[in-house]
Protein backbone atom coordinates (compact mmCIF):
# COMPACT_ATOMS: atom_id res chain seq x y z
CA UNK A 1 31.90 35.89 220.61
CA UNK A 2 34.71 34.38 222.63
CA UNK A 3 33.76 32.83 225.95
CA UNK A 4 36.51 33.28 228.48
CA UNK A 5 37.43 32.31 232.01
CA UNK A 6 39.32 34.86 234.01
CA UNK A 7 41.93 34.83 236.69
CA UNK A 8 41.16 36.63 239.94
CA UNK A 9 44.12 38.99 239.40
CA UNK A 10 43.19 40.11 235.87
CA UNK A 11 40.45 42.64 235.17
CA UNK A 12 37.86 41.29 232.75
CA UNK A 13 37.86 43.31 229.52
CA UNK A 14 35.30 43.41 226.71
CA UNK A 15 36.37 44.83 223.34
CA UNK A 16 33.08 45.82 221.72
CA UNK A 17 32.77 46.96 218.11
CA UNK A 18 29.57 48.82 217.33
CA UNK A 19 28.18 49.71 213.91
CA UNK A 20 26.14 48.74 210.91
CA UNK A 21 28.34 47.14 208.24
CA UNK A 22 25.58 47.69 205.68
CA UNK A 23 26.13 51.44 205.92
CA UNK A 24 29.79 51.66 204.89
CA UNK A 25 32.00 53.64 207.25
CA UNK A 26 29.35 53.55 209.99
CA UNK A 27 30.36 49.91 210.54
CA UNK A 28 34.01 50.65 211.32
CA UNK A 29 33.72 49.38 214.92
CA UNK A 30 32.57 45.97 213.70
CA UNK A 31 35.36 45.90 211.12
CA UNK A 32 37.90 46.47 213.92
CA UNK A 33 36.66 43.53 216.03
CA UNK A 34 36.46 41.35 212.92
CA UNK A 35 40.10 42.22 212.18
CA UNK A 36 40.97 41.11 215.72
CA UNK A 37 39.04 37.86 215.35
CA UNK A 38 42.09 35.64 215.00
CA UNK A 39 44.15 37.38 217.68
CA UNK A 40 45.26 35.29 220.64
CA UNK A 41 43.72 37.08 223.61
CA UNK A 42 44.51 36.26 227.21
CA UNK A 43 41.65 34.57 229.08
CA UNK A 44 40.45 37.82 230.67
CA UNK A 45 39.74 39.52 227.30
CA UNK A 46 36.66 38.97 225.16
CA UNK A 47 36.06 40.47 221.72
CA UNK A 48 32.47 40.98 220.52
CA UNK A 49 30.73 42.25 217.39
CA UNK A 50 27.99 44.35 219.01
CA UNK A 51 26.27 45.20 215.73
CA UNK A 52 23.97 48.16 216.16
CA UNK A 53 23.84 47.68 219.92
CA UNK A 54 20.82 47.00 222.08
CA UNK A 55 19.86 45.78 225.50
CA UNK A 56 21.14 42.36 224.38
CA UNK A 57 24.58 43.73 225.24
CA UNK A 58 23.56 44.17 228.89
CA UNK A 59 24.83 40.77 230.05
CA UNK A 60 28.22 40.83 228.31
CA UNK A 61 28.84 44.39 229.50
CA UNK A 62 27.72 43.67 233.08
CA UNK A 63 30.11 40.76 233.42
CA UNK A 64 33.33 42.76 232.84
CA UNK A 65 35.40 45.37 234.63
CA UNK A 66 36.24 47.39 231.52
CA UNK A 67 34.53 47.93 228.17
CA UNK A 68 36.53 49.19 225.21
CA UNK A 69 34.05 50.49 222.64
CA UNK A 70 34.87 51.22 219.02
CA UNK A 71 32.26 53.24 217.16
CA UNK A 72 31.87 55.70 214.31
CA UNK A 73 30.92 59.29 215.02
CA UNK A 74 29.75 62.15 212.87
CA UNK A 75 31.47 64.92 214.75
CA UNK A 76 32.82 67.32 212.13
CA UNK A 77 36.39 66.04 212.57
CA UNK A 78 38.48 64.92 209.60
CA UNK A 79 37.20 61.47 208.45
CA UNK A 80 39.49 58.79 209.86
CA UNK A 81 40.36 60.81 212.97
CA UNK A 82 40.37 58.70 216.12
CA UNK A 83 39.68 60.06 219.59
CA UNK A 84 40.03 58.16 222.87
CA UNK A 85 37.24 59.24 225.22
CA UNK A 86 36.20 58.14 228.69
CA UNK A 87 32.47 58.90 228.79
CA UNK A 88 30.43 58.33 231.92
CA UNK A 89 26.92 59.36 230.89
CA UNK A 90 25.06 59.52 227.58
CA UNK A 91 25.66 63.28 227.45
CA UNK A 92 29.43 62.63 227.42
CA UNK A 93 29.27 60.79 224.08
CA UNK A 94 29.88 62.53 220.76
CA UNK A 95 26.78 63.22 218.71
CA UNK A 96 25.94 60.65 216.08
CA UNK A 97 22.99 60.05 213.82
CA UNK A 98 23.06 56.28 213.96
CA UNK A 99 20.30 53.89 214.91
CA UNK A 100 22.28 52.42 217.81
CA UNK A 101 23.01 55.80 219.38
CA UNK A 102 20.09 55.89 221.81
CA UNK A 103 20.03 52.24 222.92
CA UNK A 104 23.73 51.95 223.75
CA UNK A 105 23.84 55.30 225.56
CA UNK A 106 20.74 54.39 227.57
CA UNK A 107 22.30 51.04 228.46
CA UNK A 108 25.41 52.73 229.83
CA UNK A 109 23.30 55.23 231.79
CA UNK A 110 21.42 52.27 233.29
CA UNK A 111 24.72 50.81 234.56
CA UNK A 112 25.50 54.02 236.41
CA UNK A 113 22.02 54.20 237.88
CA UNK A 114 22.37 50.60 239.12
CA UNK A 115 25.81 51.35 240.55
CA UNK A 116 27.44 48.58 238.50
CA UNK A 117 29.18 50.56 235.78
CA UNK A 118 32.32 49.08 234.27
CA UNK A 119 35.11 51.42 233.22
CA UNK A 120 34.28 52.56 229.66
CA UNK A 121 36.75 53.73 227.05
CA UNK A 122 35.45 54.80 223.65
CA UNK A 123 37.51 54.94 220.50
CA UNK A 124 35.44 57.31 218.37
CA UNK A 125 36.29 57.14 214.67
CA UNK A 126 35.17 60.19 212.71
CA UNK A 127 33.26 59.57 209.50
CA UNK A 128 31.98 62.10 206.98
CA UNK A 129 28.35 61.03 207.16
CA UNK A 130 25.99 58.15 206.71
CA UNK A 131 26.28 56.27 203.44
CA UNK A 132 23.68 54.44 201.42
CA UNK A 133 23.69 50.66 201.58
CA UNK A 134 27.30 49.71 200.93
CA UNK A 135 29.39 47.12 202.79
CA UNK A 136 32.82 48.51 201.90
CA UNK A 137 34.71 51.00 203.99
CA UNK A 138 35.84 54.13 202.18
CA UNK A 139 39.50 54.37 201.15
CA UNK A 140 40.02 56.85 204.01
CA UNK A 141 38.73 54.43 206.67
CA UNK A 142 40.37 51.19 205.48
CA UNK A 143 43.80 51.89 207.06
CA UNK A 144 42.09 53.14 210.24
CA UNK A 145 40.94 49.58 211.06
CA UNK A 146 44.52 48.40 211.67
CA UNK A 147 45.40 51.61 213.53
CA UNK A 148 42.45 51.33 215.92
CA UNK A 149 43.01 47.59 216.41
CA UNK A 150 46.55 48.34 217.59
CA UNK A 151 45.30 51.13 219.89
CA UNK A 152 42.68 48.81 221.38
CA UNK A 153 45.12 45.98 222.01
CA UNK A 154 47.46 48.44 223.73
CA UNK A 155 44.53 49.70 225.84
CA UNK A 156 43.72 46.16 226.89
CA UNK A 157 47.41 45.52 227.68
CA UNK A 158 47.47 42.70 225.17
CA UNK A 159 50.74 41.92 223.41
CA UNK A 160 50.79 43.40 219.88
CA UNK A 161 48.86 41.33 217.38
CA UNK A 162 49.00 40.91 213.66
CA UNK A 163 45.74 42.33 212.41
CA UNK A 164 44.18 40.60 209.47
CA UNK A 165 42.33 42.59 206.85
CA UNK A 166 38.58 42.22 206.89
CA UNK A 167 37.43 40.80 203.55
CA UNK A 168 34.92 43.64 203.36
CA UNK A 169 37.50 46.38 203.74
CA UNK A 170 40.38 44.76 201.85
């Protein structure tokens, strides 16, 4: 995780990749933040591998103005499809069958109940289903990592970056 100091004029942004890299395509969000690992971010932007999500993400998410989430979804769309969503409550999120689904959604609902919710943008990457234990992304999802990384950097108003390939999805 990158620790950053921010300027008063710049909104604090957290780019948060969610997923389990041991379950193939389900880990696409983590692959995206890993691909951005060597990018030169301005001081107001932090990039974090959120793993399968939990209440451990409360502090990093509370300390920013905007959260850009990247996560896999099992939504019946063509695998590799990417949708930009702006969910407010857990019911606004696409259905998934992943272990982190409940904890992360509950965490975001808690923000709204406390009146401290950051702006949330979700890049939902469609996958065909959960895979057995495999660390590689499918051939369909490999090029999506670079595509989503570019979308995320544009969302964060970061100058375009050269995205490195994750060794797992190369």
